[in-house]
Amino acid sequence: MIRGAPTGRLAPVNVLRHLAGLVRRTFLGLAPGLARPDDAFALGWLESREADAYRAMDPRDRDHACRVAHRLLARFPDAEPRTVRAALLHDVGKAERPYRVWERVLVHVWAPGPATAARFPEALRDAWRVHAEHADLGARRLRALDVDARVVELVARHHGPPAGDEELRRLIAADEAT
């Protein structure tokens, strides 16, 4: 399966924005030194326990998280502060393990089925596992830090259907458009 399909129907301009974001993140996977996270912006929103989790993230994931938070605020200026904090932490589960450059790119663009994945080295299978489970891993990490339960819930559900949850819908929309 090729990664990157949005969870909902996007308007054509948003599809283009989404694809541009995928290209950008893939390129940053190859050239991590080009990531420029807006850490001052992020740390201005996050509580101290959340800031520690944010700092543990790879600069490429922090860059993406800041872009998602900026997009969220641009599209929804009335966004709840906890939704902005969830945007900044939504990929914190990827900090579970460091990625080699080629692993980051491969897991970003391709998700093999279990039978195919079994033919690859354990390290790559672990990279796919962390990528696939990063929402749950991040929620678990934040829960252990006693982060606000609603922020934890938004992080846990950021790849699922919003099911009538307006804050989650906004977070997903910002993530998909980035």
N, C-alpha and C. Protein backbone atom coordinates (compact mmCIF):
# COMPACT_ATOMS: atom_id res chain seq x y z
N MET A 1 0.84 -1.17 0.00
CA MET A 1 0.00 0.00 0.00
C MET A 1 0.89 1.24 0.00
N ILE A 2 0.58 2.18 -0.85
CA ILE A 2 1.30 3.45 -0.87
C ILE A 2 0.69 4.33 0.22
N ARG A 3 1.55 4.94 1.02
CA ARG A 3 1.08 5.78 2.11
C ARG A 3 0.65 7.14 1.61
N GLY A 4 -0.10 7.83 2.46
CA GLY A 4 -0.39 9.23 2.21
C GLY A 4 -1.81 9.52 1.79
N ALA A 5 -2.65 8.50 1.67
CA ALA A 5 -4.03 8.77 1.29
C ALA A 5 -4.74 9.46 2.44
N PRO A 6 -5.38 10.57 2.18
CA PRO A 6 -6.10 11.28 3.24
C PRO A 6 -7.23 10.43 3.79
N THR A 7 -7.62 10.70 5.05
CA THR A 7 -8.66 9.90 5.69
C THR A 7 -10.06 10.30 5.22
N GLY A 8 -10.21 11.45 4.63
CA GLY A 8 -11.52 11.89 4.16
C GLY A 8 -11.42 12.45 2.76
N ARG A 9 -12.53 12.96 2.25
CA ARG A 9 -12.53 13.55 0.91
C ARG A 9 -12.00 14.98 1.00
N LEU A 10 -11.04 15.28 0.16
CA LEU A 10 -10.45 16.61 0.16
C LEU A 10 -10.81 17.33 -1.12
N ALA A 11 -10.99 18.64 -1.03
CA ALA A 11 -11.19 19.46 -2.22
C ALA A 11 -9.91 19.40 -3.06
N PRO A 12 -10.01 19.59 -4.40
CA PRO A 12 -8.83 19.47 -5.26
C PRO A 12 -7.63 20.29 -4.79
N VAL A 13 -7.85 21.51 -4.33
CA VAL A 13 -6.72 22.33 -3.87
C VAL A 13 -6.08 21.72 -2.64
N ASN A 14 -6.87 21.10 -1.77
CA ASN A 14 -6.32 20.45 -0.59
C ASN A 14 -5.58 19.17 -0.95
N VAL A 15 -6.03 18.46 -1.98
CA VAL A 15 -5.31 17.28 -2.45
C VAL A 15 -3.92 17.70 -2.91
N LEU A 16 -3.85 18.78 -3.68
CA LEU A 16 -2.55 19.27 -4.15
C LEU A 16 -1.67 19.68 -2.97
N ARG A 17 -2.24 20.35 -1.99
CA ARG A 17 -1.49 20.76 -0.81
C ARG A 17 -1.00 19.53 -0.05
N HIS A 18 -1.87 18.53 0.07
CA HIS A 18 -1.52 17.28 0.76
C HIS A 18 -0.36 16.59 0.04
N LEU A 19 -0.45 16.48 -1.27
CA LEU A 19 0.62 15.83 -2.04
C LEU A 19 1.92 16.62 -1.94
N ALA A 20 1.83 17.94 -1.97
CA ALA A 20 3.02 18.77 -1.82
C ALA A 20 3.66 18.53 -0.46
N GLY A 21 2.85 18.38 0.56
CA GLY A 21 3.36 18.08 1.90
C GLY A 21 4.05 16.73 1.95
N LEU A 22 3.47 15.73 1.26
CA LEU A 22 4.10 14.41 1.21
C LEU A 22 5.46 14.48 0.53
N VAL A 23 5.53 15.22 -0.57
CA VAL A 23 6.79 15.37 -1.29
C VAL A 23 7.81 16.06 -0.38
N ARG A 24 7.38 17.12 0.29
CA ARG A 24 8.27 17.85 1.19
C ARG A 24 8.79 16.96 2.31
N ARG A 25 7.90 16.20 2.96
CA ARG A 25 8.32 15.34 4.06
C ARG A 25 9.23 14.22 3.57
N THR A 26 8.97 13.70 2.36
CA THR A 26 9.84 12.67 1.80
C THR A 26 11.22 13.26 1.52
N PHE A 27 11.27 14.46 0.96
CA PHE A 27 12.53 15.12 0.69
C PHE A 27 13.30 15.36 2.00
N LEU A 28 12.60 15.82 3.03
CA LEU A 28 13.25 16.04 4.33
C LEU A 28 13.77 14.73 4.92
N GLY A 29 13.08 13.63 4.58
CA GLY A 29 13.58 12.33 5.01
C GLY A 29 14.95 12.05 4.44
N LEU A 30 15.19 12.51 3.22
CA LEU A 30 16.49 12.33 2.56
C LEU A 30 17.51 13.37 2.98
N ALA A 31 17.05 14.54 3.38
CA ALA A 31 17.93 15.66 3.73
C ALA A 31 17.51 16.25 5.07
N PRO A 32 17.73 15.50 6.17
CA PRO A 32 17.23 15.94 7.48
C PRO A 32 17.78 17.29 7.93
N GLY A 33 18.93 17.68 7.46
CA GLY A 33 19.50 18.95 7.86
C GLY A 33 18.71 20.15 7.40
N LEU A 34 17.77 19.94 6.47
CA LEU A 34 16.95 21.04 5.96
C LEU A 34 15.71 21.31 6.82
N ALA A 35 15.43 20.44 7.78
CA ALA A 35 14.28 20.66 8.66
C ALA A 35 14.54 21.89 9.52
N ARG A 36 13.55 22.76 9.61
CA ARG A 36 13.65 23.99 10.40
C ARG A 36 12.41 24.14 11.28
N PRO A 37 12.34 23.33 12.35
CA PRO A 37 11.16 23.45 13.22
C PRO A 37 11.13 24.81 13.91
N ASP A 38 9.93 25.34 14.07
CA ASP A 38 9.74 26.62 14.77
C ASP A 38 9.59 26.32 16.26
N ASP A 39 10.73 25.94 16.86
CA ASP A 39 10.70 25.51 18.26
C ASP A 39 10.22 26.60 19.21
N ALA A 40 10.58 27.84 18.96
CA ALA A 40 10.14 28.92 19.85
C ALA A 40 8.61 29.01 19.85
N PHE A 41 8.00 28.90 18.67
CA PHE A 41 6.55 28.90 18.56
C PHE A 41 5.96 27.74 19.37
N ALA A 42 6.52 26.54 19.14
CA ALA A 42 5.99 25.34 19.80
C ALA A 42 6.11 25.44 21.31
N LEU A 43 7.28 25.83 21.78
CA LEU A 43 7.50 25.88 23.22
C LEU A 43 6.66 26.95 23.89
N GLY A 44 6.22 27.95 23.12
CA GLY A 44 5.31 28.96 23.65
C GLY A 44 3.91 28.41 23.91
N TRP A 45 3.55 27.33 23.27
CA TRP A 45 2.23 26.72 23.44
C TRP A 45 2.23 25.57 24.45
N LEU A 46 3.35 24.87 24.56
CA LEU A 46 3.39 23.62 25.31
C LEU A 46 3.67 23.82 26.79
N GLU A 47 3.07 22.96 27.61
CA GLU A 47 3.39 22.91 29.03
C GLU A 47 4.72 22.18 29.19
N SER A 48 5.35 22.29 30.35
CA SER A 48 6.72 21.78 30.51
C SER A 48 6.84 20.28 30.22
N ARG A 49 5.90 19.46 30.69
CA ARG A 49 5.97 18.02 30.41
C ARG A 49 5.81 17.75 28.92
N GLU A 50 4.93 18.52 28.28
CA GLU A 50 4.73 18.37 26.84
C GLU A 50 5.97 18.83 26.08
N ALA A 51 6.60 19.90 26.57
CA ALA A 51 7.80 20.42 25.91
C ALA A 51 8.92 19.39 25.93
N ASP A 52 9.04 18.65 27.02
CA ASP A 52 10.06 17.59 27.08
C ASP A 52 9.80 16.53 26.02
N ALA A 53 8.54 16.13 25.86
CA ALA A 53 8.19 15.14 24.84
C ALA A 53 8.45 15.71 23.44
N TYR A 54 8.10 16.96 23.23
CA TYR A 54 8.33 17.61 21.93
C TYR A 54 9.82 17.64 21.59
N ARG A 55 10.65 18.01 22.56
CA ARG A 55 12.11 18.09 22.32
C ARG A 55 12.70 16.72 21.98
N ALA A 56 12.06 15.64 22.42
CA ALA A 56 12.56 14.29 22.13
C ALA A 56 12.28 13.88 20.68
N MET A 57 11.44 14.64 19.99
CA MET A 57 11.08 14.31 18.61
C MET A 57 12.22 14.66 17.66
N ASP A 58 12.31 13.93 16.57
CA ASP A 58 13.26 14.22 15.51
C ASP A 58 12.95 15.61 14.94
N PRO A 59 13.97 16.38 14.54
CA PRO A 59 13.71 17.72 13.99
C PRO A 59 12.74 17.71 12.81
N ARG A 60 12.75 16.64 12.00
CA ARG A 60 11.83 16.57 10.86
C ARG A 60 10.39 16.44 11.34
N ASP A 61 10.18 15.68 12.41
CA ASP A 61 8.83 15.54 12.96
C ASP A 61 8.40 16.83 13.66
N ARG A 62 9.34 17.50 14.32
CA ARG A 62 9.01 18.80 14.94
C ARG A 62 8.67 19.83 13.87
N ASP A 63 9.41 19.82 12.76
CA ASP A 63 9.12 20.72 11.64
C ASP A 63 7.69 20.49 11.14
N HIS A 64 7.35 19.22 10.90
CA HIS A 64 6.00 18.88 10.44
C HIS A 64 4.95 19.30 11.48
N ALA A 65 5.22 19.02 12.76
CA ALA A 65 4.27 19.35 13.82
C ALA A 65 4.00 20.85 13.87
N CYS A 66 5.06 21.65 13.72
CA CYS A 66 4.88 23.11 13.74
C CYS A 66 4.07 23.56 12.53
N ARG A 67 4.31 22.96 11.39
CA ARG A 67 3.54 23.31 10.19
C ARG A 67 2.06 22.96 10.38
N VAL A 68 1.80 21.81 11.00
CA VAL A 68 0.41 21.42 11.27
C VAL A 68 -0.24 22.43 12.23
N ALA A 69 0.46 22.81 13.28
CA ALA A 69 -0.09 23.77 14.24
C ALA A 69 -0.33 25.13 13.59
N HIS A 70 0.62 25.59 12.78
CA HIS A 70 0.44 26.86 12.07
C HIS A 70 -0.77 26.78 11.12
N ARG A 71 -0.89 25.66 10.41
CA ARG A 71 -2.03 25.48 9.49
C ARG A 71 -3.34 25.45 10.27
N LEU A 72 -3.34 24.77 11.39
CA LEU A 72 -4.53 24.71 12.24
C LEU A 72 -4.98 26.12 12.63
N LEU A 73 -4.04 26.93 13.09
CA LEU A 73 -4.37 28.29 13.51
C LEU A 73 -4.75 29.19 12.34
N ALA A 74 -4.16 28.96 11.18
CA ALA A 74 -4.52 29.76 10.00
C ALA A 74 -5.95 29.45 9.55
N ARG A 75 -6.31 28.17 9.58
CA ARG A 75 -7.65 27.76 9.14
C ARG A 75 -8.71 27.95 10.21
N PHE A 76 -8.30 27.81 11.46
CA PHE A 76 -9.24 27.87 12.58
C PHE A 76 -8.65 28.75 13.69
N PRO A 77 -8.70 30.08 13.52
CA PRO A 77 -8.09 30.98 14.51
C PRO A 77 -8.66 30.81 15.91
N ASP A 78 -9.86 30.24 16.01
CA ASP A 78 -10.48 30.03 17.32
C ASP A 78 -10.16 28.65 17.90
N ALA A 79 -9.16 27.97 17.34
CA ALA A 79 -8.81 26.63 17.82
C ALA A 79 -8.49 26.64 19.30
N GLU A 80 -8.95 25.62 19.98
CA GLU A 80 -8.66 25.46 21.40
C GLU A 80 -7.16 25.30 21.60
N PRO A 81 -6.58 25.88 22.64
CA PRO A 81 -5.15 25.69 22.91
C PRO A 81 -4.76 24.22 23.01
N ARG A 82 -5.62 23.38 23.57
CA ARG A 82 -5.27 21.95 23.67
C ARG A 82 -5.20 21.30 22.29
N THR A 83 -5.97 21.81 21.32
CA THR A 83 -5.89 21.27 19.96
C THR A 83 -4.56 21.68 19.32
N VAL A 84 -4.11 22.89 19.59
CA VAL A 84 -2.81 23.34 19.09
C VAL A 84 -1.71 22.49 19.72
N ARG A 85 -1.81 22.23 21.01
CA ARG A 85 -0.83 21.39 21.69
C ARG A 85 -0.84 19.98 21.12
N ALA A 86 -2.01 19.45 20.82
CA ALA A 86 -2.10 18.12 20.20
C ALA A 86 -1.47 18.13 18.81
N ALA A 87 -1.67 19.21 18.06
CA ALA A 87 -1.05 19.32 16.73
C ALA A 87 0.47 19.27 16.86
N LEU A 88 1.00 19.93 17.87
CA LEU A 88 2.46 19.94 18.07
C LEU A 88 3.00 18.60 18.55
N LEU A 89 2.15 17.76 19.11
CA LEU A 89 2.58 16.48 19.67
C LEU A 89 2.02 15.27 18.92
N HIS A 90 1.28 15.49 17.83
CA HIS A 90 0.56 14.37 17.22
C HIS A 90 1.46 13.25 16.72
N ASP A 91 2.72 13.53 16.40
CA ASP A 91 3.64 12.48 15.93
C ASP A 91 4.71 12.12 16.96
N VAL A 92 4.48 12.45 18.23
CA VAL A 92 5.48 12.19 19.26
C VAL A 92 5.78 10.69 19.39
N GLY A 93 4.86 9.84 19.02
CA GLY A 93 5.10 8.39 19.08
C GLY A 93 6.21 7.92 18.16
N LYS A 94 6.52 8.69 17.13
CA LYS A 94 7.62 8.33 16.22
C LYS A 94 8.97 8.45 16.91
N ALA A 95 9.02 9.13 18.05
CA ALA A 95 10.26 9.27 18.81
C ALA A 95 10.61 7.98 19.56
N GLU A 96 9.78 6.97 19.42
CA GLU A 96 10.02 5.67 20.04
C GLU A 96 11.36 5.08 19.62
N ARG A 97 11.78 5.40 18.41
CA ARG A 97 13.06 4.87 17.90
C ARG A 97 13.63 5.85 16.89
N PRO A 98 14.96 5.89 16.78
CA PRO A 98 15.55 6.72 15.70
C PRO A 98 15.40 6.00 14.37
N TYR A 99 15.28 6.75 13.31
CA TYR A 99 15.17 6.19 11.97
C TYR A 99 16.43 6.51 11.18
N ARG A 100 16.94 5.53 10.46
CA ARG A 100 17.97 5.82 9.46
C ARG A 100 17.26 6.56 8.33
N VAL A 101 18.03 7.32 7.56
CA VAL A 101 17.43 8.12 6.49
C VAL A 101 16.59 7.24 5.57
N TRP A 102 17.13 6.14 5.10
CA TRP A 102 16.40 5.29 4.15
C TRP A 102 15.17 4.64 4.79
N GLU A 103 15.24 4.33 6.10
CA GLU A 103 14.07 3.77 6.78
C GLU A 103 12.95 4.79 6.83
N ARG A 104 13.30 6.03 7.16
CA ARG A 104 12.30 7.09 7.26
C ARG A 104 11.57 7.26 5.93
N VAL A 105 12.32 7.28 4.84
CA VAL A 105 11.70 7.46 3.53
C VAL A 105 10.84 6.25 3.18
N LEU A 106 11.38 5.05 3.38
CA LEU A 106 10.65 3.84 3.01
C LEU A 106 9.35 3.69 3.81
N VAL A 107 9.40 3.86 5.13
CA VAL A 107 8.17 3.69 5.91
C VAL A 107 7.17 4.80 5.63
N HIS A 108 7.68 5.93 5.17
CA HIS A 108 6.80 7.06 4.84
C HIS A 108 5.99 6.79 3.57
N VAL A 109 6.58 6.08 2.62
CA VAL A 109 5.91 5.92 1.32
C VAL A 109 5.33 4.53 1.08
N TRP A 110 5.70 3.53 1.90
CA TRP A 110 5.24 2.17 1.61
C TRP A 110 4.94 1.41 2.89
N ALA A 111 3.79 0.78 2.93
CA ALA A 111 3.41 -0.06 4.06
C ALA A 111 3.08 -1.45 3.53
N PRO A 112 4.03 -2.39 3.63
CA PRO A 112 3.77 -3.74 3.11
C PRO A 112 2.83 -4.52 4.01
N GLY A 113 2.23 -5.52 3.47
CA GLY A 113 1.43 -6.44 4.28
C GLY A 113 2.35 -7.27 5.15
N PRO A 114 1.79 -8.00 6.12
CA PRO A 114 2.61 -8.78 7.06
C PRO A 114 3.50 -9.82 6.37
N ALA A 115 3.00 -10.51 5.36
CA ALA A 115 3.80 -11.53 4.69
C ALA A 115 5.01 -10.92 3.99
N THR A 116 4.83 -9.79 3.35
CA THR A 116 5.95 -9.11 2.69
C THR A 116 6.92 -8.55 3.72
N ALA A 117 6.40 -7.91 4.75
CA ALA A 117 7.25 -7.31 5.78
C ALA A 117 8.11 -8.36 6.46
N ALA A 118 7.60 -9.58 6.61
CA ALA A 118 8.34 -10.64 7.29
C ALA A 118 9.65 -10.98 6.56
N ARG A 119 9.76 -10.64 5.29
CA ARG A 119 10.98 -10.93 4.52
C ARG A 119 12.08 -9.90 4.75
N PHE A 120 11.77 -8.84 5.48
CA PHE A 120 12.74 -7.76 5.69
C PHE A 120 13.41 -7.91 7.05
N PRO A 121 14.55 -7.24 7.25
CA PRO A 121 15.24 -7.31 8.55
C PRO A 121 14.38 -6.77 9.69
N GLU A 122 14.66 -7.26 10.88
CA GLU A 122 13.90 -6.88 12.07
C GLU A 122 13.88 -5.36 12.28
N ALA A 123 14.99 -4.69 12.05
CA ALA A 123 15.05 -3.24 12.25
C ALA A 123 14.04 -2.52 11.37
N LEU A 124 13.91 -2.95 10.14
CA LEU A 124 12.95 -2.32 9.23
C LEU A 124 11.52 -2.66 9.63
N ARG A 125 11.30 -3.90 10.05
CA ARG A 125 9.96 -4.26 10.53
C ARG A 125 9.59 -3.42 11.75
N ASP A 126 10.57 -3.15 12.62
CA ASP A 126 10.32 -2.31 13.79
C ASP A 126 10.01 -0.88 13.37
N ALA A 127 10.70 -0.39 12.35
CA ALA A 127 10.42 0.96 11.84
C ALA A 127 8.99 1.04 11.31
N TRP A 128 8.56 0.03 10.57
CA TRP A 128 7.17 0.02 10.07
C TRP A 128 6.18 -0.05 11.24
N ARG A 129 6.51 -0.87 12.25
CA ARG A 129 5.62 -1.00 13.41
C ARG A 129 5.46 0.35 14.11
N VAL A 130 6.56 1.02 14.38
CA VAL A 130 6.50 2.31 15.08
C VAL A 130 5.72 3.31 14.23
N HIS A 131 5.98 3.33 12.94
CA HIS A 131 5.25 4.26 12.07
C HIS A 131 3.75 3.97 12.10
N ALA A 132 3.41 2.70 12.01
CA ALA A 132 1.98 2.31 12.00
C ALA A 132 1.30 2.56 13.34
N GLU A 133 2.04 2.42 14.44
CA GLU A 133 1.45 2.53 15.77
C GLU A 133 1.78 3.85 16.47
N HIS A 134 2.34 4.83 15.73
CA HIS A 134 2.84 6.04 16.39
C HIS A 134 1.76 6.81 17.14
N ALA A 135 0.52 6.78 16.68
CA ALA A 135 -0.54 7.50 17.40
C ALA A 135 -0.75 6.89 18.79
N ASP A 136 -0.83 5.57 18.86
CA ASP A 136 -1.00 4.90 20.16
C ASP A 136 0.25 5.04 21.02
N LEU A 137 1.43 4.89 20.41
CA LEU A 137 2.68 5.04 21.16
C LEU A 137 2.80 6.45 21.74
N GLY A 138 2.44 7.45 20.94
CA GLY A 138 2.50 8.82 21.42
C GLY A 138 1.53 9.07 22.56
N ALA A 139 0.31 8.55 22.42
CA ALA A 139 -0.69 8.72 23.48
C ALA A 139 -0.20 8.06 24.77
N ARG A 140 0.39 6.89 24.64
CA ARG A 140 0.92 6.18 25.82
C ARG A 140 2.03 7.01 26.49
N ARG A 141 2.93 7.57 25.67
CA ARG A 141 4.03 8.38 26.20
C ARG A 141 3.47 9.61 26.92
N LEU A 142 2.50 10.27 26.31
CA LEU A 142 1.94 11.49 26.91
C LEU A 142 1.15 11.17 28.17
N ARG A 143 0.43 10.06 28.16
CA ARG A 143 -0.33 9.64 29.35
C ARG A 143 0.62 9.39 30.51
N ALA A 144 1.78 8.77 30.23
CA ALA A 144 2.78 8.49 31.27
C ALA A 144 3.36 9.79 31.85
N LEU A 145 3.33 10.86 31.05
CA LEU A 145 3.81 12.17 31.51
C LEU A 145 2.71 12.99 32.18
N ASP A 146 1.53 12.39 32.31
CA ASP A 146 0.37 13.03 32.93
C ASP A 146 -0.06 14.29 32.16
N VAL A 147 -0.03 14.19 30.83
CA VAL A 147 -0.49 15.27 29.97
C VAL A 147 -2.02 15.27 29.97
N ASP A 148 -2.61 16.43 29.76
CA ASP A 148 -4.07 16.60 29.71
C ASP A 148 -4.71 15.47 28.89
N ALA A 149 -5.74 14.86 29.47
CA ALA A 149 -6.38 13.69 28.86
C ALA A 149 -6.92 13.99 27.46
N ARG A 150 -7.41 15.19 27.22
CA ARG A 150 -7.96 15.52 25.91
C ARG A 150 -6.85 15.62 24.86
N VAL A 151 -5.70 16.16 25.23
CA VAL A 151 -4.55 16.21 24.30
C VAL A 151 -4.15 14.77 23.96
N VAL A 152 -4.08 13.91 24.97
CA VAL A 152 -3.73 12.50 24.75
C VAL A 152 -4.72 11.86 23.80
N GLU A 153 -6.02 12.11 24.00
CA GLU A 153 -7.04 11.52 23.14
C GLU A 153 -6.90 12.00 21.69
N LEU A 154 -6.66 13.29 21.50
CA LEU A 154 -6.49 13.81 20.14
C LEU A 154 -5.28 13.20 19.46
N VAL A 155 -4.19 13.04 20.18
CA VAL A 155 -2.99 12.40 19.62
C VAL A 155 -3.31 10.95 19.25
N ALA A 156 -3.99 10.24 20.13
CA ALA A 156 -4.31 8.83 19.89
C ALA A 156 -5.20 8.64 18.67
N ARG A 157 -6.08 9.59 18.40
CA ARG A 157 -7.08 9.43 17.34
C ARG A 157 -6.77 10.21 16.07
N HIS A 158 -5.60 10.82 15.93
CA HIS A 158 -5.35 11.74 14.82
C HIS A 158 -5.32 11.08 13.44
N HIS A 159 -5.32 9.76 13.37
CA HIS A 159 -5.42 9.10 12.06
C HIS A 159 -6.77 8.40 11.87
N GLY A 160 -7.66 8.57 12.82
CA GLY A 160 -8.96 7.91 12.71
C GLY A 160 -10.03 8.85 12.22
N PRO A 161 -11.21 8.34 12.01
CA PRO A 161 -12.31 9.22 11.60
C PRO A 161 -12.71 10.13 12.75
N PRO A 162 -13.07 11.39 12.45
CA PRO A 162 -13.41 12.33 13.52
C PRO A 162 -14.71 12.01 14.25
N ALA A 163 -15.61 11.27 13.62
CA ALA A 163 -16.85 10.82 14.27
C ALA A 163 -17.55 11.92 15.08
N GLY A 164 -17.74 13.09 14.46
CA GLY A 164 -18.48 14.16 15.11
C GLY A 164 -17.66 15.00 16.09
N ASP A 165 -16.39 14.72 16.22
CA ASP A 165 -15.51 15.45 17.14
C ASP A 165 -14.88 16.62 16.37
N GLU A 166 -15.34 17.83 16.63
CA GLU A 166 -14.90 19.00 15.88
C GLU A 166 -13.41 19.30 16.07
N GLU A 167 -12.92 19.17 17.30
CA GLU A 167 -11.49 19.41 17.52
C GLU A 167 -10.64 18.42 16.73
N LEU A 168 -11.03 17.16 16.76
CA LEU A 168 -10.30 16.12 16.02
C LEU A 168 -10.40 16.37 14.52
N ARG A 169 -11.57 16.76 14.05
CA ARG A 169 -11.73 17.06 12.62
C ARG A 169 -10.77 18.16 12.19
N ARG A 170 -10.65 19.19 13.00
CA ARG A 170 -9.74 20.29 12.68
C ARG A 170 -8.28 19.83 12.68
N LEU A 171 -7.90 19.03 13.66
CA LEU A 171 -6.54 18.51 13.71
C LEU A 171 -6.24 17.66 12.49
N ILE A 172 -7.13 16.75 12.13
CA ILE A 172 -6.93 15.91 10.96
C ILE A 172 -6.84 16.75 9.70
N ALA A 173 -7.72 17.73 9.56
CA ALA A 173 -7.71 18.60 8.38
C ALA A 173 -6.38 19.35 8.26
N ALA A 174 -5.87 19.85 9.37
CA ALA A 174 -4.59 20.57 9.34
C ALA A 174 -3.45 19.62 9.00
N ASP A 175 -3.48 18.42 9.55
CA ASP A 175 -2.42 17.43 9.27
C ASP A 175 -2.45 17.02 7.80
N GLU A 176 -3.64 16.74 7.28
CA GLU A 176 -3.76 16.32 5.88
C GLU A 176 -3.40 17.42 4.89
N ALA A 177 -3.56 18.67 5.30
CA ALA A 177 -3.27 19.80 4.40
C ALA A 177 -1.82 20.25 4.51
N THR A 178 -1.03 19.57 5.30
CA THR A 178 0.35 19.99 5.53
C THR A 178 1.33 19.02 4.93
